[in-house]
Amino acid sequence: MPESRRTAGADVSGHGTRRLSTETKSALKTTEFFVYIACVIAVLIASMVVGTDDSHLDYFRADKAWLYIVLLTFGYMISRGLAKSGSRDRYDDGS
């Protein structure tokens, strides 16, 4: 096979490892993931704690809490999409 024909992903530098990149870090390695989880838990706790009293209605019902969780989820997905659109996370092929 002639040397001019190279296969995709073959190490042509002779050093043994290639410098590669992914779009971004894994979602579990970002602070925005943990902030998102904390906010979802806070909304659920708040909707559980705020309830009916003697003469008051339930101001923070479950349907409103789930609406806020959906909005948080949309915000998280948009922030991950923006993060993936312009940054690179470098790693070595051998690691």
N, C-alpha and C. Protein backbone atom coordinates (compact mmCIF):
# COMPACT_ATOMS: atom_id res chain seq x y z
N MET A 1 0.85 -1.17 0.00
CA MET A 1 0.00 0.00 0.00
C MET A 1 0.90 1.24 0.00
N PRO A 2 0.71 2.15 -0.90
CA PRO A 2 1.54 3.34 -0.95
C PRO A 2 1.32 4.22 0.27
N GLU A 3 2.38 4.98 0.64
CA GLU A 3 2.31 5.82 1.82
C GLU A 3 1.36 7.00 1.66
N SER A 4 1.04 7.36 0.44
CA SER A 4 0.16 8.50 0.24
C SER A 4 -1.28 8.19 0.66
N ARG A 5 -1.61 6.89 0.73
CA ARG A 5 -2.96 6.51 1.17
C ARG A 5 -2.94 6.30 2.67
N ARG A 6 -3.56 7.18 3.39
CA ARG A 6 -3.62 7.08 4.84
C ARG A 6 -5.05 6.79 5.26
N THR A 7 -5.17 5.99 6.27
CA THR A 7 -6.52 5.71 6.78
C THR A 7 -6.91 6.79 7.77
N ALA A 8 -8.17 7.02 7.88
CA ALA A 8 -8.67 8.04 8.82
C ALA A 8 -8.34 7.62 10.24
N GLY A 9 -7.73 8.52 11.00
CA GLY A 9 -7.42 8.26 12.39
C GLY A 9 -6.08 7.59 12.61
N ALA A 10 -5.31 7.33 11.58
CA ALA A 10 -4.01 6.70 11.76
C ALA A 10 -3.01 7.72 12.26
N ASP A 11 -2.08 7.26 13.12
CA ASP A 11 -1.06 8.14 13.68
C ASP A 11 0.06 8.28 12.66
N VAL A 12 0.18 9.43 12.04
CA VAL A 12 1.18 9.64 11.01
C VAL A 12 2.39 10.39 11.54
N SER A 13 2.35 10.88 12.77
CA SER A 13 3.47 11.65 13.30
C SER A 13 4.58 10.75 13.84
N GLY A 14 4.25 9.50 14.19
CA GLY A 14 5.25 8.61 14.72
C GLY A 14 5.50 8.78 16.21
N HIS A 15 4.72 9.60 16.89
CA HIS A 15 4.93 9.84 18.31
C HIS A 15 4.12 8.90 19.19
N GLY A 16 3.15 8.22 18.70
CA GLY A 16 2.38 7.27 19.48
C GLY A 16 1.06 7.79 20.00
N THR A 17 0.92 9.09 20.27
CA THR A 17 -0.36 9.64 20.70
C THR A 17 -0.71 10.81 19.81
N ARG A 18 -1.98 10.99 19.62
CA ARG A 18 -2.45 12.12 18.83
C ARG A 18 -3.14 13.10 19.75
N ARG A 19 -3.09 14.35 19.40
CA ARG A 19 -3.79 15.39 20.15
C ARG A 19 -5.16 15.56 19.52
N LEU A 20 -6.22 15.24 20.27
CA LEU A 20 -7.57 15.29 19.77
C LEU A 20 -8.38 16.28 20.60
N SER A 21 -9.57 16.57 20.15
CA SER A 21 -10.44 17.43 20.94
C SER A 21 -11.88 17.01 20.77
N THR A 22 -12.66 17.28 21.80
CA THR A 22 -14.10 17.08 21.75
C THR A 22 -14.74 18.46 21.74
N GLU A 23 -16.04 18.50 21.63
CA GLU A 23 -16.72 19.80 21.63
C GLU A 23 -16.52 20.51 22.96
N THR A 24 -16.90 19.87 24.05
CA THR A 24 -16.77 20.47 25.38
C THR A 24 -16.50 19.38 26.40
N LYS A 25 -16.40 19.80 27.65
CA LYS A 25 -16.28 18.84 28.73
C LYS A 25 -17.58 18.07 28.88
N SER A 26 -17.47 16.94 29.53
CA SER A 26 -18.66 16.16 29.84
C SER A 26 -19.59 16.99 30.72
N ALA A 27 -20.87 16.81 30.57
CA ALA A 27 -21.84 17.60 31.33
C ALA A 27 -21.68 17.41 32.83
N LEU A 28 -21.26 16.23 33.26
CA LEU A 28 -21.09 15.97 34.69
C LEU A 28 -19.88 16.68 35.27
N LYS A 29 -18.99 17.20 34.43
CA LYS A 29 -17.80 17.91 34.90
C LYS A 29 -18.01 19.42 34.97
N THR A 30 -19.20 19.90 34.68
CA THR A 30 -19.44 21.34 34.65
C THR A 30 -20.20 21.78 35.89
N THR A 31 -20.00 23.03 36.28
CA THR A 31 -20.72 23.56 37.43
C THR A 31 -22.17 23.84 37.08
N GLU A 32 -22.46 24.11 35.81
CA GLU A 32 -23.85 24.41 35.46
C GLU A 32 -24.76 23.20 35.68
N PHE A 33 -24.23 22.00 35.55
CA PHE A 33 -25.02 20.80 35.81
C PHE A 33 -25.41 20.74 37.29
N PHE A 34 -24.46 20.99 38.17
CA PHE A 34 -24.73 20.92 39.60
C PHE A 34 -25.63 22.07 40.06
N VAL A 35 -25.51 23.23 39.45
CA VAL A 35 -26.41 24.33 39.75
C VAL A 35 -27.82 23.99 39.29
N TYR A 36 -27.94 23.37 38.13
CA TYR A 36 -29.25 22.94 37.63
C TYR A 36 -29.90 21.95 38.59
N ILE A 37 -29.16 20.95 39.03
CA ILE A 37 -29.70 19.95 39.95
C ILE A 37 -30.12 20.60 41.27
N ALA A 38 -29.28 21.52 41.78
CA ALA A 38 -29.62 22.20 43.04
C ALA A 38 -30.89 23.03 42.88
N CYS A 39 -31.05 23.69 41.74
CA CYS A 39 -32.25 24.50 41.52
C CYS A 39 -33.50 23.64 41.40
N VAL A 40 -33.40 22.51 40.75
CA VAL A 40 -34.55 21.61 40.64
C VAL A 40 -34.96 21.10 42.02
N ILE A 41 -33.97 20.73 42.83
CA ILE A 41 -34.27 20.26 44.19
C ILE A 41 -34.90 21.38 45.01
N ALA A 42 -34.37 22.60 44.86
CA ALA A 42 -34.91 23.74 45.61
C ALA A 42 -36.35 24.03 45.22
N VAL A 43 -36.68 23.94 43.93
CA VAL A 43 -38.06 24.17 43.49
C VAL A 43 -38.98 23.09 44.06
N LEU A 44 -38.54 21.84 44.05
CA LEU A 44 -39.38 20.77 44.59
C LEU A 44 -39.59 20.92 46.09
N ILE A 45 -38.54 21.29 46.81
CA ILE A 45 -38.68 21.49 48.26
C ILE A 45 -39.59 22.67 48.55
N ALA A 46 -39.43 23.77 47.80
CA ALA A 46 -40.27 24.94 48.02
C ALA A 46 -41.74 24.63 47.74
N SER A 47 -42.00 23.85 46.71
CA SER A 47 -43.41 23.53 46.42
C SER A 47 -43.99 22.59 47.47
N MET A 48 -43.14 21.82 48.13
CA MET A 48 -43.62 20.93 49.18
C MET A 48 -43.86 21.71 50.49
N VAL A 49 -42.99 22.67 50.77
CA VAL A 49 -43.08 23.42 52.02
C VAL A 49 -44.22 24.43 52.00
N VAL A 50 -44.36 25.14 50.87
CA VAL A 50 -45.43 26.14 50.76
C VAL A 50 -46.72 25.39 50.52
N GLY A 51 -47.58 25.43 51.49
CA GLY A 51 -48.83 24.69 51.38
C GLY A 51 -49.99 25.51 51.88
N THR A 52 -51.07 24.83 52.12
CA THR A 52 -52.26 25.52 52.62
C THR A 52 -52.15 25.73 54.11
N ASP A 53 -52.52 26.90 54.53
CA ASP A 53 -52.60 27.21 55.96
C ASP A 53 -54.07 27.29 56.35
N ASP A 54 -54.33 27.88 57.48
CA ASP A 54 -55.71 27.95 57.97
C ASP A 54 -56.64 28.66 56.98
N SER A 55 -56.24 29.86 56.56
CA SER A 55 -57.14 30.61 55.67
C SER A 55 -56.50 30.97 54.34
N HIS A 56 -55.36 30.39 54.04
CA HIS A 56 -54.66 30.71 52.80
C HIS A 56 -54.72 29.55 51.82
N LEU A 57 -54.68 29.90 50.57
CA LEU A 57 -54.64 28.88 49.52
C LEU A 57 -53.20 28.42 49.30
N ASP A 58 -53.04 27.34 48.58
CA ASP A 58 -51.71 26.84 48.22
C ASP A 58 -51.19 27.71 47.08
N TYR A 59 -50.23 28.58 47.37
CA TYR A 59 -49.73 29.52 46.38
C TYR A 59 -48.73 28.89 45.41
N PHE A 60 -48.11 27.81 45.79
CA PHE A 60 -47.07 27.20 44.96
C PHE A 60 -47.41 25.73 44.75
N ARG A 61 -48.39 25.51 43.88
CA ARG A 61 -48.88 24.16 43.63
C ARG A 61 -47.87 23.36 42.80
N ALA A 62 -48.12 22.08 42.70
CA ALA A 62 -47.21 21.18 42.00
C ALA A 62 -47.12 21.51 40.51
N ASP A 63 -48.22 21.92 39.89
CA ASP A 63 -48.18 22.22 38.46
C ASP A 63 -47.29 23.43 38.18
N LYS A 64 -47.30 24.41 39.08
CA LYS A 64 -46.42 25.57 38.91
C LYS A 64 -44.96 25.17 39.13
N ALA A 65 -44.72 24.28 40.10
CA ALA A 65 -43.35 23.81 40.36
C ALA A 65 -42.80 23.08 39.14
N TRP A 66 -43.61 22.22 38.54
CA TRP A 66 -43.14 21.47 37.37
C TRP A 66 -42.94 22.40 36.16
N LEU A 67 -43.73 23.46 36.07
CA LEU A 67 -43.50 24.44 35.01
C LEU A 67 -42.12 25.09 35.18
N TYR A 68 -41.78 25.45 36.41
CA TYR A 68 -40.47 26.04 36.67
C TYR A 68 -39.34 25.06 36.39
N ILE A 69 -39.56 23.79 36.67
CA ILE A 69 -38.53 22.78 36.38
C ILE A 69 -38.35 22.63 34.88
N VAL A 70 -39.45 22.68 34.13
CA VAL A 70 -39.34 22.62 32.65
C VAL A 70 -38.58 23.83 32.13
N LEU A 71 -38.85 25.01 32.68
CA LEU A 71 -38.12 26.21 32.26
C LEU A 71 -36.63 26.11 32.61
N LEU A 72 -36.32 25.58 33.79
CA LEU A 72 -34.92 25.35 34.15
C LEU A 72 -34.25 24.37 33.19
N THR A 73 -34.98 23.34 32.80
CA THR A 73 -34.43 22.35 31.87
C THR A 73 -34.16 22.96 30.51
N PHE A 74 -35.07 23.78 30.01
CA PHE A 74 -34.83 24.47 28.74
C PHE A 74 -33.60 25.37 28.84
N GLY A 75 -33.50 26.10 29.93
CA GLY A 75 -32.34 26.97 30.12
C GLY A 75 -31.04 26.19 30.17
N TYR A 76 -31.06 25.05 30.84
CA TYR A 76 -29.86 24.21 30.91
C TYR A 76 -29.50 23.67 29.54
N MET A 77 -30.49 23.22 28.78
CA MET A 77 -30.21 22.68 27.44
C MET A 77 -29.67 23.77 26.52
N ILE A 78 -30.19 24.97 26.62
CA ILE A 78 -29.69 26.07 25.79
C ILE A 78 -28.26 26.42 26.19
N SER A 79 -27.97 26.44 27.49
CA SER A 79 -26.61 26.77 27.91
C SER A 79 -25.62 25.70 27.47
N ARG A 80 -26.01 24.43 27.49
CA ARG A 80 -25.12 23.37 27.01
C ARG A 80 -24.92 23.49 25.49
N GLY A 81 -25.96 23.85 24.78
CA GLY A 81 -25.82 24.03 23.34
C GLY A 81 -24.90 25.18 22.99
N LEU A 82 -25.00 26.28 23.73
CA LEU A 82 -24.09 27.40 23.50
C LEU A 82 -22.66 27.03 23.86
N ALA A 83 -22.49 26.26 24.92
CA ALA A 83 -21.14 25.85 25.31
C ALA A 83 -20.53 24.93 24.27
N LYS A 84 -21.34 24.06 23.70
CA LYS A 84 -20.83 23.13 22.69
C LYS A 84 -20.52 23.81 21.37
N SER A 85 -21.11 24.95 21.13
CA SER A 85 -20.95 25.58 19.82
C SER A 85 -19.60 26.25 19.62
N GLY A 86 -18.88 26.57 20.71
CA GLY A 86 -17.67 27.34 20.46
C GLY A 86 -16.43 26.96 21.21
N SER A 87 -16.43 25.92 22.01
CA SER A 87 -15.23 25.60 22.77
C SER A 87 -14.76 24.19 22.48
N ARG A 88 -13.52 23.94 22.83
CA ARG A 88 -12.92 22.63 22.60
C ARG A 88 -12.29 22.13 23.90
N ASP A 89 -12.40 20.82 24.17
CA ASP A 89 -11.76 20.17 25.29
C ASP A 89 -10.70 19.24 24.72
N ARG A 90 -9.44 19.50 24.99
CA ARG A 90 -8.35 18.72 24.41
C ARG A 90 -8.02 17.51 25.26
N TYR A 91 -7.65 16.41 24.59
CA TYR A 91 -7.20 15.22 25.28
C TYR A 91 -6.26 14.46 24.36
N ASP A 92 -5.47 13.55 24.94
CA ASP A 92 -4.56 12.72 24.16
C ASP A 92 -5.23 11.41 23.81
N ASP A 93 -4.85 10.86 22.68
CA ASP A 93 -5.43 9.61 22.21
C ASP A 93 -5.13 8.46 23.15
N GLY A 94 -3.97 8.44 23.77
CA GLY A 94 -3.55 7.34 24.61
C GLY A 94 -4.12 7.38 26.01
N SER A 95 -4.80 8.43 26.41
CA SER A 95 -5.29 8.51 27.80
C SER A 95 -6.74 8.22 27.92
